[in-house]
């Protein structure tokens, strides 16, 4: 249990659980045998916690200088990242088209955890800048992820749903500073009369060969039903240049408008699974790169073989998309479903899907609690022998998240999930539930 009294809302347009959303990359990370988590505690206070693995007690920093104000919006999550280059811990929090909220620790806090105290005084104040003198506004969905070279990377959207651009930045531990690499996704283009949109990327993940992968859908306006298509691109130079599924270069990040190119609607070769607008498709689910470099995506959508489009989330199902070593994409409808899931794959190719399943999946404007489940299938079966390998007795709100780094290193699955409160608005326990892989059998 990270915190017995984590925050929930009394109500909200997208539910009550701000701790646990699929776009919360990352909520929990591991570095040098210690695990770190970001969340909002009782009263909406920004919190960061750490423990020594495998089962040390959690130590919590409550940043009393920052708390949620005047909203009940579960988009405004807290995320955490660690730069292995200099041991700094980075936090970003509370955005839905807001000025950047960001703070970082002193150097060495994560590289010397046994000797450096976990306290608020070891962090700077909240700022709206990454690069000095360049404030950032209208931020949504900030995402941290670690690069193989030890740098920390940061993806964020500027603008609104259906009308926004995405930028990629990188923090160097050697220099102790950020650099915005450039725009990754552009809102430009025309689609069925719409002249602006935004990408909704899944979690960006590096593969075993240091290739960076991204999958996403496009959204044409603020409505969920305007999502369309499964798209894919990859980078072999830590996000500087990007290629489509065929290997053609499609984007070059940078500040020079004459030399740089972004990924946009009309970029060739990015759609790997056409899904029509208004068919029924959830944005931001999950992506994982397995030990063979294959990309796995679980989409929550109206089934491809449905008789007609549907906006009823209870009618939607999980589809497993993956590309093989030759770059060919495959699709399989899964025999179970729930809210937005997470997926991990073991070194032997066996796959695990982590999800919450409730009686009503139309979670907007509702509490929408559900049981936490893990379903698994073997590579030997072609990922067809699905079975539920674990199910919780408790009810949880929001969506479960995983510690991707710990899984990749030790095949221990740490699942971040918050219990449903006894009454909406009351605090409830936030857990990290650990599962030891028994050879992924």
Protein backbone atom coordinates (compact mmCIF):
# COMPACT_ATOMS: atom_id res chain seq x y z
CA UNK A 1 0.00 0.00 0.00
CA UNK A 2 1.60 3.25 -1.16
CA UNK A 3 -0.89 5.50 0.64
CA UNK A 4 -4.02 4.65 2.60
CA UNK A 5 -5.55 8.05 1.83
CA UNK A 6 -5.13 8.77 -1.90
CA UNK A 7 -7.36 11.34 -3.55
CA UNK A 8 -10.66 10.73 -5.35
CA UNK A 9 -13.25 13.16 -6.70
CA UNK A 10 -16.88 13.30 -5.57
CA UNK A 11 -17.85 13.26 -9.24
CA UNK A 12 -16.35 14.19 -12.58
CA UNK A 13 -17.01 14.23 -16.31
CA UNK A 14 -14.57 11.33 -16.82
CA UNK A 15 -14.93 9.50 -13.51
CA UNK A 16 -13.49 9.99 -10.01
CA UNK A 17 -10.05 8.32 -10.11
CA UNK A 18 -7.16 10.68 -10.89
CA UNK A 19 -4.55 8.11 -9.81
CA UNK A 20 -4.53 5.53 -12.60
CA UNK A 21 -5.15 6.60 -16.21
CA UNK A 22 -3.58 5.02 -19.30
CA UNK A 23 -2.05 8.32 -20.40
CA UNK A 24 -0.20 8.55 -17.05
CA UNK A 25 3.30 7.68 -18.30
CA UNK A 26 4.91 6.97 -15.98
CA UNK A 27 3.11 6.62 -12.63
CA UNK A 28 5.56 4.07 -11.23
CA UNK A 29 9.23 3.48 -12.15
CA UNK A 30 12.17 1.48 -10.78
CA UNK A 31 15.80 2.61 -10.60
CA UNK A 32 18.78 0.90 -8.92
CA UNK A 33 16.61 -1.36 -6.77
CA UNK A 34 14.22 1.35 -5.59
CA UNK A 35 10.69 1.97 -6.81
CA UNK A 36 9.10 5.41 -7.20
CA UNK A 37 5.46 6.48 -7.64
CA UNK A 38 3.64 9.75 -8.30
CA UNK A 39 0.04 10.48 -7.29
CA UNK A 40 -2.33 12.89 -5.58
CA UNK A 41 -2.93 12.31 -1.89
CA UNK A 42 -5.80 13.26 0.37
CA UNK A 43 -7.05 16.76 -0.38
CA UNK A 44 -5.42 16.75 -3.83
CA UNK A 45 -1.87 17.24 -2.54
CA UNK A 46 0.89 16.30 -4.96
CA UNK A 47 2.81 13.28 -3.62
CA UNK A 48 5.87 11.28 -4.60
CA UNK A 49 6.78 8.03 -2.86
CA UNK A 50 9.66 5.57 -2.92
CA UNK A 51 10.53 2.21 -1.39
CA UNK A 52 13.47 -0.16 -1.42
CA UNK A 53 12.65 -3.31 -3.32
CA UNK A 54 11.43 -5.93 -2.93
CA UNK A 55 9.19 -5.01 -0.01
CA UNK A 56 10.48 -1.95 1.83
CA UNK A 57 8.12 0.54 3.45
CA UNK A 58 6.99 3.45 1.32
CA UNK A 59 8.35 6.87 2.20
CA UNK A 60 6.10 9.70 0.99
CA UNK A 61 6.82 13.34 0.17
CA UNK A 62 3.69 15.48 0.40
CA UNK A 63 4.34 18.68 -1.52
CA UNK A 64 2.13 20.95 0.54
CA UNK A 65 2.93 23.86 -1.79
CA UNK A 66 0.89 22.24 -4.58
CA UNK A 67 -2.61 20.82 -4.54
CA UNK A 68 -5.46 20.39 -7.02
CA UNK A 69 -7.70 23.46 -7.21
CA UNK A 70 -11.12 24.12 -8.69
CA UNK A 71 -11.53 21.05 -10.89
CA UNK A 72 -12.62 17.42 -10.89
CA UNK A 73 -10.74 16.35 -14.01
CA UNK A 74 -9.00 12.95 -14.08
CA UNK A 75 -6.90 14.08 -17.06
CA UNK A 76 -4.74 16.10 -14.64
CA UNK A 77 -2.55 13.21 -13.52
CA UNK A 78 0.88 13.25 -11.89
CA UNK A 79 3.82 11.54 -13.67
CA UNK A 80 7.37 10.76 -12.65
CA UNK A 81 10.65 10.15 -14.48
CA UNK A 82 14.25 9.45 -13.48
CA UNK A 83 17.38 10.44 -15.38
CA UNK A 84 19.95 7.70 -14.79
CA UNK A 85 22.66 10.05 -16.03
CA UNK A 86 22.60 12.27 -12.96
CA UNK A 87 20.09 10.64 -10.59
CA UNK A 88 17.53 13.43 -10.80
CA UNK A 89 13.84 12.73 -10.18
CA UNK A 90 11.36 14.67 -12.33
CA UNK A 91 7.67 15.34 -11.72
CA UNK A 92 4.96 16.88 -13.92
CA UNK A 93 1.34 17.24 -12.80
CA UNK A 94 -2.12 18.76 -13.06
CA UNK A 95 -2.61 19.64 -16.73
CA UNK A 96 -5.52 19.81 -19.12
CA UNK A 97 -4.58 22.73 -21.36
CA UNK A 98 -2.70 24.44 -18.52
CA UNK A 99 0.73 26.04 -18.18
CA UNK A 100 3.42 23.44 -17.55
CA UNK A 101 3.70 22.29 -13.92
CA UNK A 102 7.13 20.75 -13.48
CA UNK A 103 9.76 20.33 -10.79
CA UNK A 104 12.91 18.27 -10.43
CA UNK A 105 15.15 17.08 -7.65
CA UNK A 106 18.76 17.76 -6.86
CA UNK A 107 21.30 15.56 -8.60
CA UNK A 108 21.97 12.16 -7.08
CA UNK A 109 18.67 11.72 -5.27
CA UNK A 110 17.89 8.51 -7.18
CA UNK A 111 21.49 7.35 -7.60
CA UNK A 112 22.27 7.54 -3.85
CA UNK A 113 18.93 6.63 -2.23
CA UNK A 114 20.52 5.02 0.83
CA UNK A 115 22.29 8.25 1.78
CA UNK A 116 20.11 11.05 0.38
CA UNK A 117 16.94 11.81 2.31
CA UNK A 118 13.59 11.62 0.55
CA UNK A 119 12.21 15.06 1.39
CA UNK A 120 10.55 18.02 -0.33
CA UNK A 121 13.58 20.22 0.28
CA UNK A 122 15.51 18.10 -2.23
CA UNK A 123 13.17 19.29 -5.00
CA UNK A 124 12.88 22.65 -6.69
CA UNK A 125 9.73 24.74 -6.95
CA UNK A 126 7.02 24.29 -9.55
CA UNK A 127 7.96 25.97 -12.82
CA UNK A 128 6.39 26.41 -16.26
CA UNK A 129 9.73 26.03 -18.06
CA UNK A 130 11.93 23.23 -19.31
CA UNK A 131 14.38 25.47 -21.15
CA UNK A 132 15.23 28.62 -19.20
CA UNK A 133 13.26 31.64 -20.35
CA UNK A 134 10.78 29.64 -22.44
CA UNK A 135 7.51 29.09 -20.56
CA UNK A 136 5.21 26.39 -21.94
CA UNK A 137 1.42 26.82 -22.00
CA UNK A 138 -1.68 24.74 -22.86
CA UNK A 139 -0.06 21.46 -21.80
CA UNK A 140 -1.92 18.13 -21.65
CA UNK A 141 -0.75 14.52 -21.21
CA UNK A 142 2.89 15.00 -20.17
CA UNK A 143 4.78 11.69 -20.47
CA UNK A 144 8.23 10.70 -19.21
CA UNK A 145 10.22 7.78 -20.58
CA UNK A 146 13.88 6.79 -20.31
CA UNK A 147 16.23 6.53 -23.28
CA UNK A 148 18.84 3.74 -23.50
CA UNK A 149 21.67 6.26 -23.33
CA UNK A 150 20.60 7.45 -19.87
CA UNK A 151 18.69 10.54 -20.97
CA UNK A 152 15.13 11.25 -19.82
CA UNK A 153 12.61 12.12 -22.52
CA UNK A 154 9.36 14.03 -22.23
CA UNK A 155 6.42 14.11 -24.63
CA UNK A 156 3.58 16.61 -24.25
CA UNK A 157 0.67 18.07 -26.19
CA UNK A 158 0.11 21.77 -26.76
CA UNK A 159 -3.49 22.61 -27.61
CA UNK A 160 -6.88 21.01 -27.29
CA UNK A 161 -8.49 17.68 -28.02
CA UNK A 162 -8.88 17.54 -31.77
CA UNK A 163 -6.68 20.64 -32.17
CA UNK A 164 -3.19 20.10 -30.80
CA UNK A 165 0.48 19.45 -31.61
CA UNK A 166 2.90 17.17 -29.73
CA UNK A 167 6.49 18.03 -28.80
CA UNK A 168 9.40 15.86 -27.69
CA UNK A 169 12.05 17.10 -25.25
CA UNK A 170 15.14 15.48 -23.75
CA UNK A 171 16.99 16.00 -20.46
CA UNK A 172 20.73 15.33 -20.42
CA UNK A 173 22.27 14.31 -17.12
CA UNK A 174 25.70 15.41 -18.36
CA UNK A 175 24.49 18.95 -19.02
CA UNK A 176 21.78 19.03 -16.36
CA UNK A 177 19.35 20.72 -18.74
CA UNK A 178 16.46 20.17 -21.12
CA UNK A 179 16.36 20.62 -24.87
CA UNK A 180 13.14 20.60 -26.88
CA UNK A 181 13.91 18.39 -29.88
CA UNK A 182 10.93 19.59 -31.88
CA UNK A 183 7.36 18.84 -32.90
CA UNK A 184 6.58 15.14 -33.33
CA UNK A 185 2.86 15.21 -34.28
CA UNK A 186 1.20 18.08 -36.13
CA UNK A 187 -2.49 19.01 -36.18
CA UNK A 188 -2.27 19.89 -39.90
CA UNK A 189 -4.26 18.29 -42.71
CA UNK A 190 -7.82 17.81 -43.87
CA UNK A 191 -10.01 14.79 -43.11
CA UNK A 192 -13.70 14.60 -44.04
CA UNK A 193 -14.00 18.36 -43.78
CA UNK A 194 -11.94 18.75 -40.58
CA UNK A 195 -8.85 20.94 -40.93
CA UNK A 196 -7.32 20.28 -37.52
CA UNK A 197 -6.93 17.33 -35.17
CA UNK A 198 -4.54 15.80 -32.66
CA UNK A 199 -2.73 12.51 -32.25
CA UNK A 200 -3.42 10.33 -29.22
CA UNK A 201 -0.22 8.31 -28.72
CA UNK A 202 0.01 5.21 -26.58
CA UNK A 203 2.98 4.88 -24.24
CA UNK A 204 6.22 5.32 -26.21
CA UNK A 205 8.49 2.32 -25.66
CA UNK A 206 12.06 1.40 -26.57
CA UNK A 207 12.70 -2.11 -27.84
CA UNK A 208 15.68 -4.36 -27.09
CA UNK A 209 17.56 -2.92 -30.09
CA UNK A 210 17.11 0.67 -28.79
CA UNK A 211 14.49 1.39 -31.46
CA UNK A 212 11.78 3.75 -30.18
CA UNK A 213 8.22 2.82 -31.14
CA UNK A 214 5.00 4.84 -31.11
CA UNK A 215 1.43 3.84 -31.94
CA UNK A 216 -1.49 6.25 -32.01
CA UNK A 217 -4.89 7.18 -33.37
CA UNK A 218 -6.09 10.51 -34.73
CA UNK A 219 -8.96 12.52 -33.23
CA UNK A 220 -10.72 15.10 -35.37
CA UNK A 221 -12.56 17.00 -32.62
CA UNK A 222 -13.32 16.82 -28.90
CA UNK A 223 -15.76 13.90 -29.29
CA UNK A 224 -14.60 10.34 -28.63
CA UNK A 225 -16.40 9.10 -31.72
CA UNK A 226 -14.09 11.15 -33.97
CA UNK A 227 -11.13 8.81 -33.24
CA UNK A 228 -9.90 6.86 -36.24
CA UNK A 229 -7.13 4.51 -37.45
CA UNK A 230 -4.25 2.69 -35.78
CA UNK A 231 -0.99 4.33 -36.81
CA UNK A 232 2.65 3.40 -36.24
CA UNK A 233 6.15 4.87 -36.59
CA UNK A 234 9.58 4.19 -35.17
CA UNK A 235 12.88 5.99 -34.56
CA UNK A 236 16.41 4.59 -34.53
CA UNK A 237 18.08 7.72 -33.16
CA UNK A 238 16.15 8.42 -29.93
CA UNK A 239 13.39 10.40 -31.58
CA UNK A 240 15.35 12.69 -33.89
CA UNK A 241 14.12 11.09 -37.11
CA UNK A 242 11.15 8.79 -37.71
CA UNK A 243 10.23 6.06 -40.19
CA UNK A 244 6.96 4.44 -41.21
CA UNK A 245 6.20 0.72 -41.17
CA UNK A 246 7.91 0.27 -44.57
CA UNK A 247 11.11 1.90 -43.29
CA UNK A 248 10.75 5.17 -45.20
CA UNK A 249 11.86 8.31 -43.40
CA UNK A 250 8.79 10.44 -42.65
CA UNK A 251 9.84 13.00 -40.04
CA UNK A 252 12.86 14.98 -38.88
CA UNK A 253 12.56 16.87 -35.61
CA UNK A 254 14.18 20.25 -35.17
CA UNK A 255 13.63 23.98 -34.87
CA UNK A 256 14.57 24.82 -38.47
CA UNK A 257 11.30 25.04 -40.48
CA UNK A 258 13.18 24.37 -43.71
CA UNK A 259 14.89 21.19 -42.45
CA UNK A 260 12.35 19.71 -40.04
CA UNK A 261 9.29 17.60 -40.84
CA UNK A 262 6.58 16.41 -38.48
CA UNK A 263 4.24 13.44 -38.56
CA UNK A 264 0.85 14.61 -39.81
CA UNK A 265 -2.40 13.18 -41.12
CA UNK A 266 -1.15 12.98 -44.70
CA UNK A 267 2.25 11.46 -43.83
CA UNK A 268 2.56 8.36 -46.05
CA UNK A 269 2.57 4.82 -44.70
CA UNK A 270 1.60 5.47 -41.09
CA UNK A 271 -1.83 3.76 -41.01
CA UNK A 272 -1.33 0.07 -40.21
CA UNK A 273 -4.97 -0.77 -39.40
CA UNK A 274 -7.71 1.42 -40.88
CA UNK A 275 -10.54 2.10 -38.41
CA UNK A 276 -13.22 4.51 -39.67
CA UNK A 277 -14.14 7.67 -37.80
CA UNK A 278 -17.34 7.20 -35.75
CA UNK A 279 -16.93 3.41 -35.87
CA UNK A 280 -16.08 3.27 -32.17
CA UNK A 281 -12.45 3.47 -30.99
CA UNK A 282 -10.87 4.42 -27.66
CA UNK A 283 -7.83 6.69 -27.66
CA UNK A 284 -4.71 5.93 -25.57
CA UNK A 285 -4.67 2.30 -24.53
CA UNK A 286 -1.40 0.39 -24.35
CA UNK A 287 1.69 -0.67 -26.28
CA UNK A 288 4.59 -3.02 -25.47
CA UNK A 289 7.72 -4.07 -27.38
CA UNK A 290 8.69 -7.68 -26.70
CA UNK A 291 12.13 -9.31 -26.55
CA UNK A 292 12.04 -10.00 -30.29
CA UNK A 293 11.25 -6.37 -31.12
CA UNK A 294 7.61 -7.07 -31.96
CA UNK A 295 5.14 -4.32 -31.11
CA UNK A 296 1.92 -5.32 -29.32
CA UNK A 297 -1.09 -3.03 -29.00
CA UNK A 298 -4.40 -3.74 -27.26
CA UNK A 299 -7.16 -1.57 -28.69
CA UNK A 300 -10.55 -1.13 -27.01
CA UNK A 301 -12.96 -0.63 -29.88
CA UNK A 302 -16.21 -1.55 -31.56
CA UNK A 303 -15.42 -5.03 -32.96
CA UNK A 304 -14.19 -5.03 -36.56
CA UNK A 305 -16.96 -7.48 -37.49
CA UNK A 306 -19.76 -5.53 -35.78
CA UNK A 307 -22.89 -4.93 -37.84
CA UNK A 308 -22.71 -1.16 -37.41
CA UNK A 309 -20.86 1.64 -35.60
CA UNK A 310 -21.42 1.99 -31.85
CA UNK A 311 -20.68 4.61 -29.20
CA UNK A 312 -21.81 2.28 -26.38
CA UNK A 313 -18.60 1.29 -24.58
CA UNK A 314 -20.31 -1.84 -23.23
CA UNK A 315 -20.44 -3.12 -26.82
CA UNK A 316 -16.73 -2.58 -27.42
CA UNK A 317 -14.12 -5.33 -27.17
CA UNK A 318 -10.34 -5.75 -26.97
CA UNK A 319 -8.38 -6.27 -30.19
CA UNK A 320 -4.78 -7.43 -30.06
CA UNK A 321 -2.70 -5.92 -32.88
CA UNK A 322 0.93 -6.88 -33.35
CA UNK A 323 3.59 -6.75 -36.00
CA UNK A 324 5.91 -9.66 -36.61
CA UNK A 325 9.64 -9.57 -37.27
CA UNK A 326 8.96 -8.88 -40.96
CA UNK A 327 6.84 -5.83 -40.12
CA UNK A 328 3.50 -7.41 -41.05
CA UNK A 329 0.59 -6.43 -38.81
CA UNK A 330 -1.91 -8.95 -37.41
CA UNK A 331 -5.21 -8.57 -35.55
CA UNK A 332 -7.05 -10.82 -33.13
CA UNK A 333 -10.31 -10.21 -31.25
CA UNK A 334 -9.84 -11.21 -27.59
CA UNK A 335 -12.41 -13.26 -25.60
CA UNK A 336 -12.50 -10.81 -22.67
CA UNK A 337 -12.80 -7.06 -22.24
CA UNK A 338 -12.95 -4.20 -19.76
CA UNK A 339 -11.77 -0.60 -19.49
CA UNK A 340 -8.53 0.68 -20.98
CA UNK A 341 -5.90 -2.05 -20.35
CA UNK A 342 -2.15 -2.52 -20.02
CA UNK A 343 -0.10 -5.24 -21.73
CA UNK A 344 3.30 -6.81 -21.03
CA UNK A 345 5.08 -9.70 -22.76
CA UNK A 346 7.54 -12.08 -21.13
CA UNK A 347 10.90 -13.01 -22.58
CA UNK A 348 9.40 -16.34 -23.65
CA UNK A 349 6.69 -14.53 -25.61
CA UNK A 350 3.79 -15.15 -23.26
CA UNK A 351 1.49 -12.16 -22.99
CA UNK A 352 -0.40 -10.64 -20.04
CA UNK A 353 -3.23 -8.10 -20.19
CA UNK A 354 -4.04 -6.16 -17.04
CA UNK A 355 -7.45 -4.46 -16.84
CA UNK A 356 -10.44 -3.46 -14.73
CA UNK A 357 -13.79 -5.00 -15.52
CA UNK A 358 -17.04 -3.53 -14.20
CA UNK A 359 -20.74 -3.93 -14.85
CA UNK A 360 -20.97 -0.66 -16.81
CA UNK A 361 -18.05 0.41 -18.99
CA UNK A 362 -19.63 3.76 -19.93
CA UNK A 363 -17.53 5.38 -17.22
CA UNK A 364 -18.05 9.05 -18.11
CA UNK A 365 -19.96 10.87 -15.36
CA UNK A 366 -19.85 7.70 -13.21
CA UNK A 367 -17.83 6.03 -10.45
CA UNK A 368 -17.51 2.91 -12.67
CA UNK A 369 -15.52 0.71 -10.28
CA UNK A 370 -14.49 -2.80 -11.29
CA UNK A 371 -12.44 -5.83 -10.34
CA UNK A 372 -8.79 -5.92 -11.35
CA UNK A 373 -7.93 -8.84 -13.62
CA UNK A 374 -4.96 -10.35 -15.41
CA UNK A 375 -5.48 -12.56 -18.46
CA UNK A 376 -2.69 -14.47 -20.18
CA UNK A 377 -1.92 -16.39 -23.36
CA UNK A 378 1.10 -18.30 -24.64
CA UNK A 379 3.11 -17.54 -27.73
CA UNK A 380 3.07 -21.28 -28.49
CA UNK A 381 -0.70 -21.08 -29.06
CA UNK A 382 -0.40 -18.01 -31.27
CA UNK A 383 -1.79 -16.04 -28.29
CA UNK A 384 -5.11 -17.84 -28.50
CA UNK A 385 -5.29 -19.88 -25.26
CA UNK A 386 -6.47 -16.99 -23.10
CA UNK A 387 -7.23 -17.60 -19.44
CA UNK A 388 -7.77 -15.39 -16.39
CA UNK A 389 -4.79 -15.98 -14.11
CA UNK A 390 -5.71 -13.53 -11.32
CA UNK A 391 -8.73 -11.56 -10.17
CA UNK A 392 -9.05 -9.17 -7.24
CA UNK A 393 -11.58 -9.36 -4.45
CA UNK A 394 -11.57 -5.57 -4.10
CA UNK A 395 -13.07 -3.03 -6.48
CA UNK A 396 -10.80 -0.44 -8.12
CA UNK A 397 -11.36 2.88 -9.87
CA UNK A 398 -9.57 4.30 -12.89
CA UNK A 399 -7.21 2.09 -14.89
CA UNK A 400 -4.26 -0.04 -13.76
CA UNK A 401 -0.71 0.96 -14.69
CA UNK A 402 2.50 -1.06 -14.73
CA UNK A 403 6.18 -0.57 -13.91
CA UNK A 404 7.54 -1.28 -17.38
CA UNK A 405 11.21 -1.07 -16.37
CA UNK A 406 10.90 -3.53 -13.50
CA UNK A 407 9.07 -6.00 -15.72
CA UNK A 408 11.69 -5.79 -18.46
CA UNK A 409 14.54 -6.32 -16.02
CA UNK A 410 13.17 -8.87 -13.56
CA UNK A 411 9.79 -10.02 -14.94
CA UNK A 412 8.12 -8.88 -11.74
CA UNK A 413 4.84 -7.20 -12.55
CA UNK A 414 4.11 -4.17 -10.36
CA UNK A 415 0.55 -2.96 -10.88
CA UNK A 416 -0.45 0.55 -9.72
CA UNK A 417 -4.16 0.70 -8.85
CA UNK A 418 -6.42 2.56 -6.42
CA UNK A 419 -9.27 1.00 -4.49
CA UNK A 420 -12.77 2.33 -5.00
CA UNK A 421 -13.68 4.61 -2.07
CA UNK A 422 -16.57 3.78 0.25
CA UNK A 423 -18.10 7.10 -0.87
CA UNK A 424 -16.99 9.10 -3.94
CA UNK A 425 -14.76 11.94 -2.79
CA UNK A 426 -13.42 10.06 0.21
CA UNK A 427 -9.76 9.03 0.12
CA UNK A 428 -8.96 5.37 -0.56
CA UNK A 429 -5.88 3.12 -0.62
CA UNK A 430 -3.45 3.32 -3.53
CA UNK A 431 -1.66 0.00 -4.06
CA UNK A 432 1.31 -1.39 -5.91
CA UNK A 433 0.40 -5.06 -6.36
CA UNK A 434 3.43 -7.24 -7.17
CA UNK A 435 3.25 -10.47 -9.16
CA UNK A 436 6.27 -12.75 -9.41
CA UNK A 437 6.48 -14.48 -12.77
CA UNK A 438 6.83 -18.25 -12.41
CA UNK A 439 8.70 -18.61 -15.67
CA UNK A 440 5.69 -16.99 -17.33
CA UNK A 441 3.84 -20.30 -17.30
